[in-house]
Each structure stands twice: as C-alpha cells, then as structure tokens.
Protein backbone atom coordinates (compact mmCIF):
# COMPACT_ATOMS: atom_id res chain seq x y z
CA MET A 1 15.65 1.17 56.13
CA HIS A 2 16.67 4.95 56.24
CA ARG A 3 20.13 6.21 56.37
CA ASP A 4 20.67 9.10 58.80
CA PRO A 5 24.10 10.36 57.59
CA LYS A 6 25.28 13.03 60.21
CA GLY A 7 28.75 13.37 58.70
CA ILE A 8 30.26 14.81 55.77
CA TYR A 9 34.04 14.76 54.33
CA LEU A 10 34.95 17.46 52.00
CA PHE A 11 37.42 16.91 49.20
CA SER A 12 38.58 18.43 46.22
CA PRO A 13 39.40 16.09 43.16
CA SER A 14 38.77 18.69 40.42
CA SER A 15 40.15 22.74 40.15
CA ALA A 16 41.56 24.32 42.82
CA VAL A 17 39.12 26.31 45.31
CA LEU A 18 39.44 29.81 44.70
CA ASP A 19 38.14 31.14 47.86
CA PRO A 20 38.66 29.28 51.17
CA ALA A 21 36.22 31.55 53.05
CA ALA A 22 33.23 29.79 50.79
CA VAL A 23 34.31 26.51 52.14
CA GLU A 24 34.13 27.53 55.43
CA LEU A 25 30.70 29.44 54.99
CA ALA A 26 29.55 25.81 53.55
CA ARG A 27 30.59 23.83 56.44
CA GLU A 28 28.75 26.71 58.93
CA ARG A 29 25.51 25.95 56.70
CA LEU A 30 25.86 22.04 56.89
CA LYS A 31 26.44 22.16 60.43
CA ALA A 32 23.06 24.50 60.94
CA LEU A 33 21.57 21.69 58.94
CA GLY A 34 22.98 18.99 61.25
CA PHE A 35 25.86 17.45 59.71
CA ARG A 36 29.42 17.36 61.11
CA THR A 37 32.23 18.18 58.65
CA ALA A 38 35.73 17.23 58.16
CA LEU A 39 38.15 18.96 55.19
CA ASP A 40 40.48 16.94 53.51
CA ARG A 41 43.98 17.96 54.07
CA THR A 42 44.58 19.12 50.50
CA ALA A 43 41.28 20.19 49.76
CA LEU A 44 42.67 23.92 49.24
CA ALA A 45 45.80 22.67 47.51
CA LYS A 46 46.70 24.28 44.09
CA HIS A 47 48.78 22.82 41.39
CA GLU A 48 48.05 25.02 37.93
CA ARG A 49 44.51 25.32 37.96
CA PHE A 50 44.01 22.21 39.84
CA ALA A 51 43.29 21.44 43.76
CA GLY A 52 46.54 19.57 43.88
CA THR A 53 48.64 17.17 41.52
CA ASP A 54 47.11 14.28 39.93
CA ARG A 55 48.27 11.65 42.52
CA GLN A 56 47.54 14.45 45.44
CA ARG A 57 43.82 14.35 44.53
CA ALA A 58 43.71 10.58 43.57
CA ALA A 59 45.20 10.32 47.37
CA ALA A 60 42.38 12.53 48.52
CA VAL A 61 39.98 9.79 46.99
CA GLN A 62 41.53 7.08 49.19
CA ARG A 63 41.48 8.98 52.31
CA ALA A 64 37.95 9.55 51.70
CA LEU A 65 37.26 5.85 51.76
CA ARG A 66 39.19 5.65 54.96
CA GLN A 67 37.56 8.39 57.11
CA ARG A 68 34.74 7.87 59.27
CA HIS A 69 32.02 10.09 57.71
CA PRO A 70 29.74 8.18 55.73
CA VAL A 71 29.22 11.34 53.15
CA VAL A 72 31.98 12.21 50.90
CA MET A 73 31.25 15.58 48.69
CA ALA A 74 33.00 17.59 46.44
CA THR A 75 34.00 21.38 47.25
CA ARG A 76 33.69 22.09 43.55
CA GLY A 77 33.72 21.24 39.96
CA GLY A 78 35.82 22.68 37.37
CA TYR A 79 37.94 20.18 35.36
CA GLY A 80 40.32 17.64 36.37
CA LEU A 81 38.67 14.11 37.36
CA SER A 82 39.00 12.85 34.07
CA ARG A 83 42.79 12.85 34.60
CA LEU A 84 42.21 10.55 37.63
CA LEU A 85 39.88 8.23 36.37
CA HIS A 86 42.84 4.93 35.81
CA LEU A 87 44.27 6.01 39.48
CA ILE A 88 41.03 5.30 41.01
CA ASP A 89 40.15 2.01 42.64
CA TRP A 90 36.33 1.70 41.99
CA GLN A 91 35.66 -1.32 43.58
CA ALA A 92 37.30 0.02 46.63
CA VAL A 93 35.10 2.93 46.41
CA ALA A 94 31.88 0.67 45.74
CA ASP A 95 32.99 -1.41 48.98
CA SER A 96 33.65 1.54 51.19
CA GLY A 97 29.94 1.98 51.36
CA LYS A 98 30.32 5.80 51.02
CA VAL A 99 27.83 7.90 49.66
CA PHE A 100 29.53 10.57 47.28
CA VAL A 101 27.77 13.39 45.97
CA GLY A 102 28.66 16.45 43.37
CA HIS A 103 28.11 17.72 40.09
CA SER A 104 29.36 19.31 36.85
CA ASP A 105 32.96 17.86 36.61
CA PHE A 106 31.88 15.15 39.21
CA THR A 107 29.63 13.78 36.43
CA VAL A 108 32.79 11.53 35.20
CA PHE A 109 33.20 10.03 38.91
CA ASN A 110 29.49 9.28 39.19
CA LEU A 111 29.42 7.59 35.70
CA ALA A 112 32.73 5.74 36.20
CA LEU A 113 31.57 4.38 39.60
CA LEU A 114 28.52 2.66 37.99
CA ALA A 115 30.23 1.95 34.59
CA ARG A 116 32.77 -0.37 36.88
CA THR A 117 30.94 -1.36 39.62
CA GLY A 118 27.14 -0.88 39.14
CA ALA A 119 27.40 1.04 42.37
CA GLU A 120 24.99 4.17 42.99
CA SER A 121 26.04 7.70 44.09
CA LEU A 122 24.66 11.21 43.87
CA ALA A 123 24.30 13.96 41.70
CA GLY A 124 23.80 16.71 43.43
CA PRO A 125 24.95 19.83 45.38
CA THR A 126 28.98 20.83 45.93
CA ALA A 127 30.30 22.64 49.01
CA VAL A 128 31.34 26.08 47.11
CA ALA A 129 28.64 26.25 44.48
CA ASP A 130 25.76 25.56 46.59
CA PHE A 131 26.68 26.00 50.33
CA GLY A 132 29.28 28.34 50.19
CA GLN A 133 27.52 31.19 48.40
CA LYS A 134 25.92 34.31 49.58
CA SER A 135 22.48 32.87 49.97
CA LEU A 136 21.52 29.29 49.90
CA ASP A 137 18.53 27.94 48.12
CA ASP A 138 16.46 26.43 51.02
CA LEU A 139 14.79 23.76 48.80
CA THR A 140 18.17 22.76 47.54
CA ALA A 141 19.30 22.26 51.06
CA ASP A 142 15.90 20.40 51.81
CA LEU A 143 16.35 17.97 48.74
CA PHE A 144 19.92 17.30 49.60
CA THR A 145 18.63 16.26 53.37
CA GLU A 146 15.75 14.28 52.28
CA ALA A 147 18.05 12.54 49.54
CA LEU A 148 20.56 11.64 52.30
CA ARG A 149 18.08 10.12 54.67
CA ASP A 150 16.05 8.13 51.70
CA GLU A 151 12.91 10.13 52.44
CA LEU A 152 12.59 11.87 48.95
CA GLU A 153 10.07 9.48 47.28
CA VAL A 154 9.07 11.65 44.35
CA LEU A 155 10.52 14.81 42.67
CA CYS A 156 7.55 16.83 40.84
CA PHE A 157 8.46 19.57 38.44
CA GLU A 158 6.88 21.47 36.11
CA SER A 159 7.17 20.36 32.39
CA PRO A 160 4.44 21.83 30.17
CA ASP A 161 6.27 20.79 26.63
CA SER A 162 7.21 17.40 27.60
CA ASP A 163 6.34 14.00 25.92
CA ALA A 164 4.12 11.81 27.21
CA VAL A 165 5.92 9.02 28.88
CA ASP A 166 5.31 6.48 31.76
CA ALA A 167 8.35 4.23 32.08
CA ARG A 168 11.03 2.71 34.70
CA GLY A 169 14.84 2.58 34.10
CA VAL A 170 18.27 3.25 35.33
CA LEU A 171 18.92 6.86 36.26
CA TRP A 172 21.91 8.03 35.04
CA GLY A 173 23.96 11.15 33.35
CA GLY A 174 24.61 14.67 34.16
CA ASN A 175 26.88 17.33 32.36
CA LEU A 176 26.48 16.81 28.92
CA ALA A 177 30.20 17.43 28.18
CA MET A 178 31.35 15.14 30.40
CA VAL A 179 29.07 12.16 29.54
CA ALA A 180 30.14 12.92 25.85
CA SER A 181 33.65 12.75 26.87
CA LEU A 182 33.42 9.12 28.27
CA LEU A 183 32.24 7.65 25.12
CA GLY A 184 34.58 4.90 23.98
CA THR A 185 36.00 4.53 27.39
CA PRO A 186 35.58 2.07 29.99
CA TYR A 187 33.93 4.60 32.08
CA MET A 188 31.23 5.04 30.11
CA PRO A 189 28.11 3.34 31.48
CA ASN A 190 26.45 0.73 28.81
CA ILE A 191 22.84 1.37 29.87
CA ASP A 192 19.84 0.11 28.25
CA GLY A 193 16.50 1.15 28.63
CA GLY A 194 17.69 4.12 30.95
CA ILE A 195 16.59 7.48 31.86
CA LEU A 196 19.33 9.61 30.77
CA PHE A 197 19.38 13.17 32.46
CA LEU A 198 21.68 16.07 31.19
CA GLU A 199 22.54 19.43 31.72
CA ASP A 200 25.22 22.08 30.68
CA VAL A 201 26.41 25.38 31.52
CA GLY A 202 28.38 28.00 29.25
CA GLU A 203 27.85 25.89 25.76
CA HIS A 204 26.14 27.38 22.80
CA PRO A 205 22.96 25.40 21.87
CA TYR A 206 24.84 24.41 18.35
CA ARG A 207 27.52 22.81 21.15
CA ILE A 208 24.97 21.49 22.95
CA GLU A 209 23.36 19.91 19.53
CA ARG A 210 27.04 18.60 18.62
CA MET A 211 27.39 16.58 21.79
CA LEU A 212 23.64 15.00 21.33
CA THR A 213 24.71 14.08 18.07
CA GLN A 214 27.56 12.49 19.22
CA LEU A 215 25.35 10.19 21.67
CA LEU A 216 22.75 10.23 18.81
CA HIS A 217 25.35 8.48 16.37
CA ALA A 218 27.07 6.20 19.16
CA GLY A 219 23.47 4.86 19.36
CA VAL A 220 23.11 5.92 23.03
CA LEU A 221 20.06 8.06 23.10
CA ALA A 222 18.05 5.45 21.18
CA ARG A 223 18.41 2.85 23.76
CA GLN A 224 16.84 4.80 26.61
CA LYS A 225 13.28 4.87 27.78
CA ALA A 226 13.42 8.72 28.36
CA ILE A 227 15.74 11.57 28.08
CA VAL A 228 15.07 14.19 30.87
CA LEU A 229 16.71 17.74 30.11
CA GLY A 230 17.79 20.33 33.10
CA ARG A 231 19.06 23.39 32.82
CA PHE A 232 21.06 24.49 30.05
CA THR A 233 22.37 28.05 31.20
CA GLU A 234 25.07 30.72 30.76
CA TYR A 235 25.26 30.83 26.83
CA ARG A 236 24.97 33.68 24.31
CA LEU A 237 23.19 33.90 21.10
CA VAL A 238 24.46 35.83 18.11
CA PRO A 239 22.78 37.28 15.29
CA HIS A 240 23.82 34.45 12.90
CA ASP A 241 21.66 32.25 14.87
CA ASN A 242 18.67 33.59 13.12
CA GLY A 243 16.45 32.28 15.45
CA TYR A 244 18.23 29.05 16.06
CA ASP A 245 18.33 28.51 19.96
CA LEU A 246 18.03 25.97 22.65
CA GLY A 247 14.17 25.26 21.65
CA ALA A 248 15.39 24.41 17.91
CA VAL A 249 17.62 22.02 19.54
CA ILE A 250 15.19 20.41 21.70
CA ALA A 251 13.05 20.19 18.42
CA TRP A 252 15.61 18.60 16.54
CA LEU A 253 16.23 16.20 19.27
CA ARG A 254 12.75 14.99 18.87
CA SER A 255 12.89 14.61 15.25
CA ALA A 256 16.13 12.74 15.27
CA CYS A 257 15.63 10.34 17.89
CA ARG A 258 12.25 8.55 18.82
CA VAL A 259 12.81 8.63 22.45
CA PRO A 260 10.12 10.90 24.80
CA VAL A 261 11.89 14.23 25.98
CA VAL A 262 11.12 15.37 29.36
CA THR A 263 12.02 19.18 30.05
CA GLY A 264 12.31 21.15 33.23
CA LEU A 265 14.46 18.99 35.61
CA PRO A 266 15.74 20.90 38.48
CA TYR A 267 19.30 20.50 38.23
CA GLY A 268 22.10 21.67 36.68
CA HIS A 269 24.21 25.05 37.33
CA VAL A 270 21.50 26.87 38.91
CA LYS A 271 20.68 27.33 42.69
CA LEU A 272 17.64 25.00 42.55
CA LYS A 273 19.19 21.76 42.14
CA ALA A 274 17.62 18.44 43.04
CA THR A 275 19.93 15.47 44.57
CA LEU A 276 19.49 12.57 42.03
CA PRO A 277 20.71 8.95 42.64
CA VAL A 278 22.91 7.92 39.72
CA GLY A 279 22.65 4.24 39.11
CA ARG A 280 19.59 3.45 40.74
CA LYS A 281 16.37 2.04 38.86
CA VAL A 282 13.64 4.99 38.93
CA GLY A 283 10.39 5.86 37.10
CA ILE A 284 9.53 8.75 35.06
CA ALA A 285 5.77 9.87 34.18
CA THR A 286 4.48 12.96 32.63
CA GLU A 287 0.83 14.25 33.11
CA GLY A 288 -0.98 17.54 33.09
CA GLY A 289 2.12 19.70 32.44
CA GLN A 290 3.87 17.86 35.07
CA ALA A 291 6.79 15.36 35.58
CA TYR A 292 7.16 12.88 38.23
CA LEU A 293 10.35 11.41 38.73
CA LEU A 294 9.65 8.15 40.96
CA LEU A 295 13.08 7.86 43.04
CA ARG A 296 11.94 5.36 45.43
CA GLU A 297 9.17 2.75 45.34
CA HIS A 298 7.40 0.95 47.98
CA HIS A 299 7.33 -2.86 47.60
C-alpha cells in the first residue's frame, strides 16, 4: 500500500533558524509540490545557539506526535539533538506512526529511534538547507516526494571505483560525526549485516579517518555487509598533507576493513540529496561503474 502524505509539520530540534524567510520559502515550495505545512510554535525560537531551550525543543517533539500531519521535517540541522535524547519518549515516537525526516544533526534522531524501537525514519532534506535556498534541486524534490509515497524502488548512481557487492541488510547511518558520537550509548543501533551509509561536512580527511578508526576499533565496520560513502565536502587540504586526501582515506579504509566500499551516494551536505529509509532492509549491488540501492522489493 502506498502512502500519500499531504501534510508536513516543521519543527526545530537543533540549532536556531538564522533566516525565518528561508522557512517561508520552504513552505511555499512544499506547497507547490502538493504539501500542506504547519510550523511548530517554537520553530523560530532562539536560546544561545539553539532553537529554544532543551525543554522547549523536547516539547516540540511531543507536539509533533499529537498534530495531524503525517510527516515531520526538521527545519535545519546544526547541533542540539544530542542534548535531547534522554528527554524523548522513543516508543511514543514509534507508536505515533509519523514519518520523521532530516539530515546532519538529525542523524542522532534517526539512529536513536532505530536503536530504541526498531522503527524506520527518513534521512533526507530539511526545510532550510534544501527547500529554503535560492534554488531548489528538482531531483532532490522528486526523490523526496517519491520516497514519501513509497514509489522509489531503486536508487541508481555512478560509482566507478566501487568494490563488487551484491548484498542485503538494514540501511543505517548518516552524518559520520554523529554516528561516531553515539558509540557506547544506548542510542547506537546494534546492526549486524547492515548497509552503513556515511557523509560529513567541514571535516578534514584525517578527521574523517579518525572517526572511521573509532568505528573500526569498536567492531562496527567489520559487522556490515557494505559501507556506502556519500559526499564529504567543505574541507581544505594543506601543504603538510603531502598527497594525503579523501582518496587516501578511502584506500586506507579498504585496507583496514575487508568490507565492500561503495562510493558516490548522492547524499550529504550537497544540493542533490536522496531520501533514504533508515532502518529498512534494502539491497546494494554494483556493476559496470554503477551502484544500485534497492529500496523497495516486490514480493
């Protein structure tokens, strides 16, 4: 059965919205796509760097569960959700049937929900970063709409340097820094035979590698069927790197962990962003320089 959600509730669980006009632009664009929107009453609140106090933002999650719209989207990422994890009733989130979507800092929400309840959520666009910018990537909008309607069955992307793989497993992951931050906590999913996808922004390759080594030594990477790399953007190399770049990190990852590595996933802090079902069993395969992420199987 296909979902046909027509309403999106916007809330701000992380950093404060800097430009309220971007939220209004996002609402106009979502309306043009056929969605009604509602804005949480504290979505534009400010407390220090956050969109309100911890209690205010946790209360916004509770309001999101009670309101009528079936989809709940974060206005933006930034930082702040990690402070709320112990304040959220995760079973109530799962029982609500709401579809939560966001990326970046929202990774900890996706993964905590999965760890505590096994429920699915979406890693995908946010209001400000994607629908509230000067230009909207049409494919990002299409992929978002298709994902909400359960119409997106296969995501195909160029992946010329990927390892050979044909596997099935639970899709999970998101922002690398946020994934690493959950290690050792009750909000880190315990996934065996999963498909782990990762991205990050503003992190030098050595810092990316350092977080990957944390996942490696914790035994997380070796337990996956595949590691799928999205976009790692907005970092600056220095002369001291002497040829050490993101490619060197990927080469090290392959040598340190005998798990197939797939590159090129259209996901991260970039304009073209797929909407991905965190917690769903999916398939991943590579062939002829292409990768295929099977998101919905026919039975």
